[in-house]
Amino acid sequence: KGSPTSLSVFGSGKMNGRSFVFVLDRSHSMGEKGLGVLDRAADQLQQAVNKLEKDHRFQIVAYHHKTEVVQKRSLLAATDLNKKKVKDFVNNLAAFGGTEHEAGLISALSFKPDVISC
């Protein structure tokens, strides 16, 4: 639905699409005592999602040894209400556990988005 849009997040080039899944490693090494990625990811993801129009869709897959998503296992409409959930979701993630990239990518692929950003 709607026109495609272009986004850039985590230092990526422009990504074009109508539906986006952002994949975020939340394993132990990404936390405060490691790379500190989770602290920086909340702002970047919020900025990217805020650029989406209401007819676009998105989801965030956070993973370590299991996956977690913003809300329900489907793409979310980019409504103001769903956009507001992003920063709280990321800020409430704890960095722990092992890194299982495959789980995060398989989960992202299951949404069948136009774009997956890791």
PDB file of N, CA and C in Angstrom:
ATOM      1  N   LYS A   1       0.836  -1.187   0.000  1.00  0.00           N
ATOM      2  CA  LYS A   1       0.000   0.000   0.000  1.00  0.00           C
ATOM      3  C   LYS A   1       0.871   1.237   0.000  1.00  0.00           C
ATOM      4  N   GLY A   2       0.408   2.270  -0.608  1.00  0.00           N
ATOM      5  CA  GLY A   2       1.097   3.553  -0.583  1.00  0.00           C
ATOM      6  C   GLY A   2       2.382   3.562  -1.388  1.00  0.00           C
ATOM      7  N   SER A   3       3.009   4.710  -1.394  1.00  0.00           N
ATOM      8  CA  SER A   3       4.271   4.884  -2.103  1.00  0.00           C
ATOM      9  C   SER A   3       5.427   4.391  -1.250  1.00  0.00           C
ATOM     10  N   PRO A   4       6.459   3.836  -1.904  1.00  0.00           N
ATOM     11  CA  PRO A   4       7.640   3.432  -1.142  1.00  0.00           C
ATOM     12  C   PRO A   4       8.339   4.652  -0.553  1.00  0.00           C
ATOM     13  N   THR A   5       9.110   4.424   0.479  1.00  0.00           N
ATOM     14  CA  THR A   5       9.893   5.486   1.089  1.00  0.00           C
ATOM     15  C   THR A   5      11.333   5.016   1.236  1.00  0.00           C
ATOM     16  N   SER A   6      12.233   5.939   1.502  1.00  0.00           N
ATOM     17  CA  SER A   6      13.649   5.622   1.713  1.00  0.00           C
ATOM     18  C   SER A   6      14.027   5.900   3.151  1.00  0.00           C
ATOM     19  N   LEU A   7      14.708   4.944   3.759  1.00  0.00           N
ATOM     20  CA  LEU A   7      15.200   5.094   5.123  1.00  0.00           C
ATOM     21  C   LEU A   7      16.668   4.729   5.184  1.00  0.00           C
ATOM     22  N   SER A   8      17.332   5.249   6.201  1.00  0.00           N
ATOM     23  CA  SER A   8      18.708   4.868   6.494  1.00  0.00           C
ATOM     24  C   SER A   8      18.821   4.735   8.003  1.00  0.00           C
ATOM     25  N   VAL A   9      19.396   3.621   8.458  1.00  0.00           N
ATOM     26  CA  VAL A   9      19.554   3.395   9.893  1.00  0.00           C
ATOM     27  C   VAL A   9      20.818   2.584  10.128  1.00  0.00           C
ATOM     28  N   PHE A  10      21.433   2.756  11.273  1.00  0.00           N
ATOM     29  CA  PHE A  10      22.650   2.031  11.643  1.00  0.00           C
ATOM     30  C   PHE A  10      23.769   2.227  10.616  1.00  0.00           C
ATOM     31  N   GLY A  11      23.844   3.392   9.991  1.00  0.00           N
ATOM     32  CA  GLY A  11      24.910   3.676   9.041  1.00  0.00           C
ATOM     33  C   GLY A  11      24.732   3.029   7.677  1.00  0.00           C
ATOM     34  N   SER A  12      23.542   2.505   7.418  1.00  0.00           N
ATOM     35  CA  SER A  12      23.293   1.848   6.123  1.00  0.00           C
ATOM     36  C   SER A  12      23.075   2.883   5.030  1.00  0.00           C
ATOM     37  N   GLY A  13      23.113   2.418   3.807  1.00  0.00           N
ATOM     38  CA  GLY A  13      22.712   3.250   2.689  1.00  0.00           C
ATOM     39  C   GLY A  13      21.200   3.343   2.686  1.00  0.00           C
ATOM     40  N   LYS A  14      20.658   4.010   1.687  1.00  0.00           N
ATOM     41  CA  LYS A  14      19.206   4.161   1.579  1.00  0.00           C
ATOM     42  C   LYS A  14      18.551   2.818   1.289  1.00  0.00           C
ATOM     43  N   MET A  15      17.475   2.549   2.021  1.00  0.00           N
ATOM     44  CA  MET A  15      16.685   1.340   1.825  1.00  0.00           C
ATOM     45  C   MET A  15      15.301   1.780   1.370  1.00  0.00           C
ATOM     46  N   ASN A  16      14.809   1.220   0.289  1.00  0.00           N
ATOM     47  CA  ASN A  16      13.521   1.623  -0.259  1.00  0.00           C
ATOM     48  C   ASN A  16      12.488   0.525  -0.079  1.00  0.00           C
ATOM     49  N   GLY A  17      11.304   0.910   0.374  1.00  0.00           N
ATOM     50  CA  GLY A  17      10.243  -0.072   0.522  1.00  0.00           C
ATOM     51  C   GLY A  17       9.010   0.509   1.178  1.00  0.00           C
ATOM     52  N   ARG A  18       8.052  -0.380   1.410  1.00  0.00           N
ATOM     53  CA  ARG A  18       6.811  -0.031   2.100  1.00  0.00           C
ATOM     54  C   ARG A  18       6.718  -0.729   3.460  1.00  0.00           C
ATOM     55  N   SER A  19       7.494  -1.796   3.612  1.00  0.00           N
ATOM     56  CA  SER A  19       7.494  -2.542   4.876  1.00  0.00           C
ATOM     57  C   SER A  19       8.941  -2.831   5.281  1.00  0.00           C
ATOM     58  N   PHE A  20       9.212  -2.617   6.565  1.00  0.00           N
ATOM     59  CA  PHE A  20      10.574  -2.689   7.079  1.00  0.00           C
ATOM     60  C   PHE A  20      10.622  -3.518   8.356  1.00  0.00           C
ATOM     61  N   VAL A  21      11.631  -4.370   8.460  1.00  0.00           N
ATOM     62  CA  VAL A  21      11.907  -5.071   9.713  1.00  0.00           C
ATOM     63  C   VAL A  21      13.332  -4.719  10.108  1.00  0.00           C
ATOM     64  N   PHE A  22      13.464  -4.209  11.321  1.00  0.00           N
ATOM     65  CA  PHE A  22      14.757  -3.834  11.874  1.00  0.00           C
ATOM     66  C   PHE A  22      15.180  -4.934  12.838  1.00  0.00           C
ATOM     67  N   VAL A  23      16.363  -5.497  12.622  1.00  0.00           N
ATOM     68  CA  VAL A  23      16.859  -6.606  13.427  1.00  0.00           C
ATOM     69  C   VAL A  23      17.948  -6.082  14.357  1.00  0.00           C
ATOM     70  N   LEU A  24      17.788  -6.356  15.641  1.00  0.00           N
ATOM     71  CA  LEU A  24      18.657  -5.778  16.653  1.00  0.00           C
ATOM     72  C   LEU A  24      19.217  -6.868  17.565  1.00  0.00           C
ATOM     73  N   ASP A  25      20.531  -7.014  17.570  1.00  0.00           N
ATOM     74  CA  ASP A  25      21.213  -7.964  18.445  1.00  0.00           C
ATOM     75  C   ASP A  25      21.195  -7.412  19.870  1.00  0.00           C
ATOM     76  N   ARG A  26      20.593  -8.164  20.781  1.00  0.00           N
ATOM     77  CA  ARG A  26      20.540  -7.735  22.177  1.00  0.00           C
ATOM     78  C   ARG A  26      21.296  -8.694  23.088  1.00  0.00           C
ATOM     79  N   SER A  27      22.277  -9.381  22.521  1.00  0.00           N
ATOM     80  CA  SER A  27      23.071 -10.310  23.317  1.00  0.00           C
ATOM     81  C   SER A  27      23.961  -9.532  24.294  1.00  0.00           C
ATOM     82  N   HIS A  28      24.603 -10.249  25.190  1.00  0.00           N
ATOM     83  CA  HIS A  28      25.407  -9.655  26.252  1.00  0.00           C
ATOM     84  C   HIS A  28      26.414  -8.624  25.738  1.00  0.00           C
ATOM     85  N   SER A  29      27.074  -8.913  24.635  1.00  0.00           N
ATOM     86  CA  SER A  29      28.129  -8.026  24.128  1.00  0.00           C
ATOM     87  C   SER A  29      27.598  -6.686  23.611  1.00  0.00           C
ATOM     88  N   MET A  30      26.288  -6.569  23.416  1.00  0.00           N
ATOM     89  CA  MET A  30      25.714  -5.323  22.898  1.00  0.00           C
ATOM     90  C   MET A  30      25.341  -4.344  24.004  1.00  0.00           C
ATOM     91  N   GLY A  31      25.458  -4.755  25.254  1.00  0.00           N
ATOM     92  CA  GLY A  31      25.046  -3.917  26.381  1.00  0.00           C
ATOM     93  C   GLY A  31      26.091  -2.915  26.815  1.00  0.00           C
ATOM     94  N   GLU A  32      25.814  -2.299  27.940  1.00  0.00           N
ATOM     95  CA  GLU A  32      26.645  -1.247  28.515  1.00  0.00           C
ATOM     96  C   GLU A  32      28.111  -1.610  28.640  1.00  0.00           C
ATOM     97  N   LYS A  33      28.391  -2.796  29.089  1.00  0.00           N
ATOM     98  CA  LYS A  33      29.774  -3.201  29.311  1.00  0.00           C
ATOM     99  C   LYS A  33      30.430  -3.736  28.038  1.00  0.00           C
ATOM    100  N   GLY A  34      29.655  -3.829  26.983  1.00  0.00           N
ATOM    101  CA  GLY A  34      30.183  -4.277  25.695  1.00  0.00           C
ATOM    102  C   GLY A  34      30.251  -3.099  24.747  1.00  0.00           C
ATOM    103  N   LEU A  35      29.491  -3.186  23.669  1.00  0.00           N
ATOM    104  CA  LEU A  35      29.515  -2.147  22.646  1.00  0.00           C
ATOM    105  C   LEU A  35      28.556  -0.990  22.922  1.00  0.00           C
ATOM    106  N   GLY A  36      27.608  -1.144  23.837  1.00  0.00           N
ATOM    107  CA  GLY A  36      26.660  -0.075  24.146  1.00  0.00           C
ATOM    108  C   GLY A  36      25.684   0.213  23.022  1.00  0.00           C
ATOM    109  N   VAL A  37      25.427  -0.765  22.175  1.00  0.00           N
ATOM    110  CA  VAL A  37      24.584  -0.573  20.996  1.00  0.00           C
ATOM    111  C   VAL A  37      23.133  -0.266  21.345  1.00  0.00           C
ATOM    112  N   LEU A  38      22.607  -0.922  22.346  1.00  0.00           N
ATOM    113  CA  LEU A  38      21.193  -0.728  22.668  1.00  0.00           C
ATOM    114  C   LEU A  38      20.876   0.718  23.013  1.00  0.00           C
ATOM    115  N   ASP A  39      21.783   1.386  23.697  1.00  0.00           N
ATOM    116  CA  ASP A  39      21.562   2.790  24.051  1.00  0.00           C
ATOM    117  C   ASP A  39      21.434   3.668  22.807  1.00  0.00           C
ATOM    118  N   ARG A  40      22.257   3.409  21.833  1.00  0.00           N
ATOM    119  CA  ARG A  40      22.237   4.217  20.599  1.00  0.00           C
ATOM    120  C   ARG A  40      21.128   3.785  19.645  1.00  0.00           C
ATOM    121  N   ALA A  41      20.742   2.529  19.696  1.00  0.00           N
ATOM    122  CA  ALA A  41      19.752   2.000  18.757  1.00  0.00           C
ATOM    123  C   ALA A  41      18.378   2.615  18.953  1.00  0.00           C
ATOM    124  N   ALA A  42      17.985   2.889  20.179  1.00  0.00           N
ATOM    125  CA  ALA A  42      16.648   3.424  20.450  1.00  0.00           C
ATOM    126  C   ALA A  42      16.400   4.710  19.663  1.00  0.00           C
ATOM    127  N   ASP A  43      17.337   5.638  19.703  1.00  0.00           N
ATOM    128  CA  ASP A  43      17.166   6.907  18.988  1.00  0.00           C
ATOM    129  C   ASP A  43      17.158   6.721  17.479  1.00  0.00           C
ATOM    130  N   GLN A  44      18.078   5.910  16.967  1.00  0.00           N
ATOM    131  CA  GLN A  44      18.141   5.705  15.522  1.00  0.00           C
ATOM    132  C   GLN A  44      16.887   5.025  14.982  1.00  0.00           C
ATOM    133  N   LEU A  45      16.416   4.022  15.694  1.00  0.00           N
ATOM    134  CA  LEU A  45      15.194   3.340  15.252  1.00  0.00           C
ATOM    135  C   LEU A  45      13.995   4.269  15.323  1.00  0.00           C
ATOM    136  N   GLN A  46      13.908   5.068  16.373  1.00  0.00           N
ATOM    137  CA  GLN A  46      12.787   6.000  16.496  1.00  0.00           C
ATOM    138  C   GLN A  46      12.796   6.999  15.345  1.00  0.00           C
ATOM    139  N   GLN A  47      13.956   7.516  14.996  1.00  0.00           N
ATOM    140  CA  GLN A  47      14.054   8.466  13.885  1.00  0.00           C
ATOM    141  C   GLN A  47      13.614   7.830  12.569  1.00  0.00           C
ATOM    142  N   ALA A  48      14.053   6.601  12.336  1.00  0.00           N
ATOM    143  CA  ALA A  48      13.688   5.912  11.091  1.00  0.00           C
ATOM    144  C   ALA A  48      12.192   5.654  11.027  1.00  0.00           C
ATOM    145  N   VAL A  49      11.629   5.130  12.091  1.00  0.00           N
ATOM    146  CA  VAL A  49      10.198   4.804  12.111  1.00  0.00           C
ATOM    147  C   VAL A  49       9.351   6.066  11.999  1.00  0.00           C
ATOM    148  N   ASN A  50       9.804   7.163  12.573  1.00  0.00           N
ATOM    149  CA  ASN A  50       9.044   8.421  12.495  1.00  0.00           C
ATOM    150  C   ASN A  50       8.910   8.925  11.072  1.00  0.00           C
ATOM    151  N   LYS A  51       9.774   8.501  10.171  1.00  0.00           N
ATOM    152  CA  LYS A  51       9.705   8.925   8.764  1.00  0.00           C
ATOM    153  C   LYS A  51       8.671   8.136   7.964  1.00  0.00           C
ATOM    154  N   LEU A  52       8.161   7.064   8.540  1.00  0.00           N
ATOM    155  CA  LEU A  52       7.179   6.239   7.835  1.00  0.00           C
ATOM    156  C   LEU A  52       5.804   6.898   7.848  1.00  0.00           C
ATOM    157  N   GLU A  53       5.062   6.664   6.779  1.00  0.00           N
ATOM    158  CA  GLU A  53       3.681   7.142   6.678  1.00  0.00           C
ATOM    159  C   GLU A  53       2.748   6.073   7.220  1.00  0.00           C
ATOM    160  N   LYS A  54       1.501   6.436   7.490  1.00  0.00           N
ATOM    161  CA  LYS A  54       0.532   5.509   8.087  1.00  0.00           C
ATOM    162  C   LYS A  54       0.291   4.249   7.271  1.00  0.00           C
ATOM    163  N   ASP A  55       0.489   4.317   5.957  1.00  0.00           N
ATOM    164  CA  ASP A  55       0.251   3.124   5.129  1.00  0.00           C
ATOM    165  C   ASP A  55       1.483   2.219   5.020  1.00  0.00           C
ATOM    166  N   HIS A  56       2.594   2.615   5.638  1.00  0.00           N
ATOM    167  CA  HIS A  56       3.777   1.762   5.696  1.00  0.00           C
ATOM    168  C   HIS A  56       3.660   0.819   6.890  1.00  0.00           C
ATOM    169  N   ARG A  57       4.471  -0.233   6.879  1.00  0.00           N
ATOM    170  CA  ARG A  57       4.465  -1.225   7.953  1.00  0.00           C
ATOM    171  C   ARG A  57       5.894  -1.418   8.476  1.00  0.00           C
ATOM    172  N   PHE A  58       6.002  -1.811   9.751  1.00  0.00           N
ATOM    173  CA  PHE A  58       7.318  -2.053  10.324  1.00  0.00           C
ATOM    174  C   PHE A  58       7.224  -3.062  11.464  1.00  0.00           C
ATOM    175  N   GLN A  59       8.390  -3.561  11.864  1.00  0.00           N
ATOM    176  CA  GLN A  59       8.522  -4.401  13.040  1.00  0.00           C
ATOM    177  C   GLN A  59       9.982  -4.340  13.470  1.00  0.00           C
ATOM    178  N   ILE A  60      10.227  -4.575  14.738  1.00  0.00           N
ATOM    179  CA  ILE A  60      11.589  -4.681  15.253  1.00  0.00           C
ATOM    180  C   ILE A  60      11.729  -6.065  15.864  1.00  0.00           C
ATOM    181  N   VAL A  61      12.778  -6.772  15.444  1.00  0.00           N
ATOM    182  CA  VAL A  61      13.093  -8.087  16.010  1.00  0.00           C
ATOM    183  C   VAL A  61      14.369  -7.926  16.825  1.00  0.00           C
ATOM    184  N   ALA A  62      14.242  -8.059  18.137  1.00  0.00           N
ATOM    185  CA  ALA A  62      15.404  -8.044  19.025  1.00  0.00           C
ATOM    186  C   ALA A  62      15.715  -9.498  19.355  1.00  0.00           C
ATOM    187  N   TYR A  63      16.983  -9.863  19.328  1.00  0.00           N
ATOM    188  CA  TYR A  63      17.323 -11.267  19.547  1.00  0.00           C
ATOM    189  C   TYR A  63      18.593 -11.434  20.373  1.00  0.00           C
ATOM    190  N   HIS A  64      18.677 -12.551  21.019  1.00  0.00           N
ATOM    191  CA  HIS A  64      19.876 -13.120  21.623  1.00  0.00           C
ATOM    192  C   HIS A  64      19.715 -14.613  21.386  1.00  0.00           C
ATOM    193  N   HIS A  65      19.410 -15.412  22.392  1.00  0.00           N
ATOM    194  CA  HIS A  65      19.146 -16.827  22.154  1.00  0.00           C
ATOM    195  C   HIS A  65      17.672 -17.072  21.825  1.00  0.00           C
ATOM    196  N   LYS A  66      16.849 -16.014  21.890  1.00  0.00           N
ATOM    197  CA  LYS A  66      15.459 -16.070  21.434  1.00  0.00           C
ATOM    198  C   LYS A  66      15.093 -14.686  20.899  1.00  0.00           C
ATOM    199  N   THR A  67      13.938 -14.591  20.265  1.00  0.00           N
ATOM    200  CA  THR A  67      13.548 -13.317  19.667  1.00  0.00           C
ATOM    201  C   THR A  67      12.386 -12.683  20.415  1.00  0.00           C
ATOM    202  N   GLU A  68      12.290 -11.372  20.272  1.00  0.00           N
ATOM    203  CA  GLU A  68      11.207 -10.591  20.859  1.00  0.00           C
ATOM    204  C   GLU A  68      10.861  -9.494  19.863  1.00  0.00           C
ATOM    205  N   VAL A  69       9.580  -9.141  19.767  1.00  0.00           N
ATOM    206  CA  VAL A  69       9.139  -8.099  18.840  1.00  0.00           C
ATOM    207  C   VAL A  69       8.374  -7.016  19.594  1.00  0.00           C
ATOM    208  N   VAL A  70       8.156  -5.889  18.929  1.00  0.00           N
ATOM    209  CA  VAL A  70       7.483  -4.757  19.558  1.00  0.00           C
ATOM    210  C   VAL A  70       6.114  -5.158  20.090  1.00  0.00           C
ATOM    211  N   GLN A  71       5.314  -5.740  19.237  1.00  0.00           N
ATOM    212  CA  GLN A  71       3.961  -6.148  19.607  1.00  0.00           C
ATOM    213  C   GLN A  71       3.480  -7.144  18.579  1.00  0.00           C
ATOM    214  N   LYS A  72       2.876  -8.185  18.978  1.00  0.00           N
ATOM    215  CA  LYS A  72       2.364  -9.278  18.159  1.00  0.00           C
ATOM    216  C   LYS A  72       3.288  -9.628  17.000  1.00  0.00           C
ATOM    217  N   ARG A  73       3.181 -10.801  16.534  1.00  0.00           N
ATOM    218  CA  ARG A  73       4.069 -11.294  15.482  1.00  0.00           C
ATOM    219  C   ARG A  73       3.514 -10.988  14.101  1.00  0.00           C
ATOM    220  N   SER A  74       3.413  -9.709  13.805  1.00  0.00           N
ATOM    221  CA  SER A  74       3.002  -9.272  12.473  1.00  0.00           C
ATOM    222  C   SER A  74       3.587  -7.883  12.235  1.00  0.00           C
ATOM    223  N   LEU A  75       3.566  -7.455  10.993  1.00  0.00           N
ATOM    224  CA  LEU A  75       4.008  -6.098  10.693  1.00  0.00           C
ATOM    225  C   LEU A  75       2.997  -5.125  11.298  1.00  0.00           C
ATOM    226  N   LEU A  76       3.488  -4.035  11.842  1.00  0.00           N
ATOM    227  CA  LEU A  76       2.638  -3.025  12.468  1.00  0.00           C
ATOM    228  C   LEU A  76       2.445  -1.849  11.527  1.00  0.00           C
ATOM    229  N   ALA A  77       1.230  -1.313  11.487  1.00  0.00           N
ATOM    230  CA  ALA A  77       0.991  -0.086  10.727  1.00  0.00           C
ATOM    231  C   ALA A  77       1.786   1.035  11.382  1.00  0.00           C
ATOM    232  N   ALA A  78       2.320   1.927  10.597  1.00  0.00           N
ATOM    233  CA  ALA A  78       3.146   3.021  11.117  1.00  0.00           C
ATOM    234  C   ALA A  78       2.267   4.161  11.631  1.00  0.00           C
ATOM    235  N   THR A  79       1.361   3.833  12.531  1.00  0.00           N
ATOM    236  CA  THR A  79       0.509   4.842  13.161  1.00  0.00           C
ATOM    237  C   THR A  79       1.304   5.552  14.252  1.00  0.00           C
ATOM    238  N   ASP A  80       0.808   6.696  14.679  1.00  0.00           N
ATOM    239  CA  ASP A  80       1.482   7.417  15.762  1.00  0.00           C
ATOM    240  C   ASP A  80       1.585   6.551  17.014  1.00  0.00           C
ATOM    241  N   LEU A  81       0.535   5.807  17.326  1.00  0.00           N
ATOM    242  CA  LEU A  81       0.542   4.948  18.511  1.00  0.00           C
ATOM    243  C   LEU A  81       1.632   3.878  18.429  1.00  0.00           C
ATOM    244  N   ASN A  82       1.741   3.213  17.270  1.00  0.00           N
ATOM    245  CA  ASN A  82       2.776   2.179  17.111  1.00  0.00           C
ATOM    246  C   ASN A  82       4.173   2.775  17.080  1.00  0.00           C
ATOM    247  N   LYS A  83       4.328   3.946  16.509  1.00  0.00           N
ATOM    248  CA  LYS A  83       5.636   4.604  16.484  1.00  0.00           C
ATOM    249  C   LYS A  83       6.109   4.939  17.896  1.00  0.00           C
ATOM    250  N   LYS A  84       5.180   5.314  18.770  1.00  0.00           N
ATOM    251  CA  LYS A  84       5.533   5.673  20.149  1.00  0.00           C
ATOM    252  C   LYS A  84       6.051   4.475  20.935  1.00  0.00           C
ATOM    253  N   LYS A  85       5.739   3.282  20.511  1.00  0.00           N
ATOM    254  CA  LYS A  85       6.154   2.075  21.225  1.00  0.00           C
ATOM    255  C   LYS A  85       7.628   1.723  20.996  1.00  0.00           C
ATOM    256  N   VAL A  86       8.229   2.265  19.961  1.00  0.00           N
ATOM    257  CA  VAL A  86       9.572   1.866  19.553  1.00  0.00           C
ATOM    258  C   VAL A  86      10.624   2.171  20.618  1.00  0.00           C
ATOM    259  N   LYS A  87      10.709   3.396  21.036  1.00  0.00           N
ATOM    260  CA  LYS A  87      11.771   3.780  21.971  1.00  0.00           C
ATOM    261  C   LYS A  87      11.618   3.037  23.294  1.00  0.00           C
ATOM    262  N   ASP A  88      10.406   2.921  23.807  1.00  0.00           N
ATOM    263  CA  ASP A  88      10.188   2.178  25.051  1.00  0.00           C
ATOM    264  C   ASP A  88      10.577   0.716  24.887  1.00  0.00           C
ATOM    265  N   PHE A  89      10.225   0.126  23.752  1.00  0.00           N
ATOM    266  CA  PHE A  89      10.574  -1.269  23.495  1.00  0.00           C
ATOM    267  C   PHE A  89      12.083  -1.465  23.583  1.00  0.00           C
ATOM    268  N   VAL A  90      12.837  -0.644  22.862  1.00  0.00           N
ATOM    269  CA  VAL A  90      14.294  -0.790  22.841  1.00  0.00           C
ATOM    270  C   VAL A  90      14.893  -0.446  24.205  1.00  0.00           C
ATOM    271  N   ASN A  91      14.406   0.607  24.833  1.00  0.00           N
ATOM    272  CA  ASN A  91      14.948   1.003  26.136  1.00  0.00           C
ATOM    273  C   ASN A  91      14.685  -0.041  27.218  1.00  0.00           C
ATOM    274  N   ASN A  92      13.664  -0.865  27.045  1.00  0.00           N
ATOM    275  CA  ASN A  92      13.344  -1.902  28.033  1.00  0.00           C
ATOM    276  C   ASN A  92      14.026  -3.235  27.750  1.00  0.00           C
ATOM    277  N   LEU A  93      14.830  -3.300  26.699  1.00  0.00           N
ATOM    278  CA  LEU A  93      15.557  -4.533  26.400  1.00  0.00           C
ATOM    279  C   LEU A  93      16.784  -4.631  27.295  1.00  0.00           C
ATOM    280  N   ALA A  94      17.026  -5.807  27.800  1.00  0.00           N
ATOM    281  CA  ALA A  94      18.253  -6.061  28.556  1.00  0.00           C
ATOM    282  C   ALA A  94      19.210  -6.828  27.650  1.00  0.00           C
ATOM    283  N   ALA A  95      20.453  -6.445  27.680  1.00  0.00           N
ATOM    284  CA  ALA A  95      21.473  -7.128  26.872  1.00  0.00           C
ATOM    285  C   ALA A  95      22.026  -8.299  27.668  1.00  0.00           C
ATOM    286  N   PHE A  96      21.681  -9.504  27.261  1.00  0.00           N
ATOM    287  CA  PHE A  96      22.202 -10.703  27.920  1.00  0.00           C
ATOM    288  C   PHE A  96      22.043 -11.882  26.986  1.00  0.00           C
ATOM    289  N   GLY A  97      22.659 -12.973  27.343  1.00  0.00           N
ATOM    290  CA  GLY A  97      22.525 -14.196  26.566  1.00  0.00           C
ATOM    291  C   GLY A  97      23.517 -14.274  25.424  1.00  0.00           C
ATOM    292  N   GLY A  98      23.466 -15.402  24.748  1.00  0.00           N
ATOM    293  CA  GLY A  98      24.341 -15.649  23.605  1.00  0.00           C
ATOM    294  C   GLY A  98      23.788 -15.034  22.339  1.00  0.00           C
ATOM    295  N   THR A  99      24.617 -15.005  21.332  1.00  0.00           N
ATOM    296  CA  THR A  99      24.233 -14.411  20.053  1.00  0.00           C
ATOM    297  C   THR A  99      23.836 -15.500  19.070  1.00  0.00           C
ATOM    298  N   GLU A 100      22.582 -15.515  18.673  1.00  0.00           N
ATOM    299  CA  GLU A 100      22.112 -16.463  17.668  1.00  0.00           C
ATOM    300  C   GLU A 100      21.516 -15.673  16.511  1.00  0.00           C
ATOM    301  N   HIS A 101      22.393 -15.236  15.606  1.00  0.00           N
ATOM    302  CA  HIS A 101      21.975 -14.405  14.465  1.00  0.00           C
ATOM    303  C   HIS A 101      20.891 -15.079  13.644  1.00  0.00           C
ATOM    304  N   GLU A 102      21.001 -16.389  13.482  1.00  0.00           N
ATOM    305  CA  GLU A 102      20.046 -17.111  12.647  1.00  0.00           C
ATOM    306  C   GLU A 102      18.613 -16.932  13.149  1.00  0.00           C
ATOM    307  N   ALA A 103      18.413 -16.964  14.453  1.00  0.00           N
ATOM    308  CA  ALA A 103      17.068 -16.799  15.016  1.00  0.00           C
ATOM    309  C   ALA A 103      16.490 -15.431  14.653  1.00  0.00           C
ATOM    310  N   GLY A 104      17.310 -14.387  14.759  1.00  0.00           N
ATOM    311  CA  GLY A 104      16.861 -13.039  14.411  1.00  0.00           C
ATOM    312  C   GLY A 104      16.517 -12.908  12.944  1.00  0.00           C
ATOM    313  N   LEU A 105      17.354 -13.476  12.083  1.00  0.00           N
ATOM    314  CA  LEU A 105      17.107 -13.365  10.644  1.00  0.00           C
ATOM    315  C   LEU A 105      15.904 -14.199  10.195  1.00  0.00           C
ATOM    316  N   ILE A 106      15.757 -15.391  10.749  1.00  0.00           N
ATOM    317  CA  ILE A 106      14.595 -16.216  10.390  1.00  0.00           C
ATOM    318  C   ILE A 106      13.308 -15.523  10.821  1.00  0.00           C
ATOM    319  N   SER A 107      13.319 -14.941  12.010  1.00  0.00           N
ATOM    320  CA  SER A 107      12.144 -14.212  12.478  1.00  0.00           C
ATOM    321  C   SER A 107      11.833 -13.041  11.552  1.00  0.00           C
ATOM    322  N   ALA A 108      12.856 -12.274  11.170  1.00  0.00           N
ATOM    323  CA  ALA A 108      12.654 -11.134  10.265  1.00  0.00           C
ATOM    324  C   ALA A 108      12.085 -11.575   8.919  1.00  0.00           C
ATOM    325  N   LEU A 109      12.619 -12.656   8.378  1.00  0.00           N
ATOM    326  CA  LEU A 109      12.143 -13.154   7.087  1.00  0.00           C
ATOM    327  C   LEU A 109      10.686 -13.601   7.152  1.00  0.00           C
ATOM    328  N   SER A 110      10.245 -14.072   8.302  1.00  0.00           N
ATOM    329  CA  SER A 110       8.870 -14.558   8.434  1.00  0.00           C
ATOM    330  C   SER A 110       7.835 -13.453   8.223  1.00  0.00           C
ATOM    331  N   PHE A 111       8.229 -12.202   8.401  1.00  0.00           N
ATOM    332  CA  PHE A 111       7.305 -11.090   8.184  1.00  0.00           C
ATOM    333  C   PHE A 111       7.150 -10.726   6.712  1.00  0.00           C
ATOM    334  N   LYS A 112       8.052 -11.243   5.861  1.00  0.00           N
ATOM    335  CA  LYS A 112       8.048 -10.984   4.420  1.00  0.00           C
ATOM    336  C   LYS A 112       8.038  -9.487   4.091  1.00  0.00           C
ATOM    337  N   PRO A 113       8.970  -8.734   4.703  1.00  0.00           N
ATOM    338  CA  PRO A 113       9.014  -7.295   4.435  1.00  0.00           C
ATOM    339  C   PRO A 113       9.724  -6.993   3.116  1.00  0.00           C
ATOM    340  N   ASP A 114       9.593  -5.764   2.677  1.00  0.00           N
ATOM    341  CA  ASP A 114      10.369  -5.303   1.519  1.00  0.00           C
ATOM    342  C   ASP A 114      11.839  -5.162   1.894  1.00  0.00           C
ATOM    343  N   VAL A 115      12.105  -4.740   3.136  1.00  0.00           N
ATOM    344  CA  VAL A 115      13.462  -4.455   3.580  1.00  0.00           C
ATOM    345  C   VAL A 115      13.703  -5.049   4.963  1.00  0.00           C
ATOM    346  N   ILE A 116      14.873  -5.664   5.123  1.00  0.00           N
ATOM    347  CA  ILE A 116      15.347  -6.091   6.441  1.00  0.00           C
ATOM    348  C   ILE A 116      16.639  -5.337   6.707  1.00  0.00           C
ATOM    349  N   SER A 117      16.685  -4.642   7.833  1.00  0.00           N
ATOM    350  CA  SER A 117      17.881  -3.886   8.218  1.00  0.00           C
ATOM    351  C   SER A 117      18.459  -4.492   9.479  1.00  0.00           C
ATOM    352  N   CYS A 118      19.752  -4.869   9.397  1.00  0.00           N
ATOM    353  CA  CYS A 118      20.430  -5.486  10.555  1.00  0.00           C
ATOM    354  C   CYS A 118      21.481  -4.552  11.110  1.00  0.00           C
TER     355      CYS A 118
END
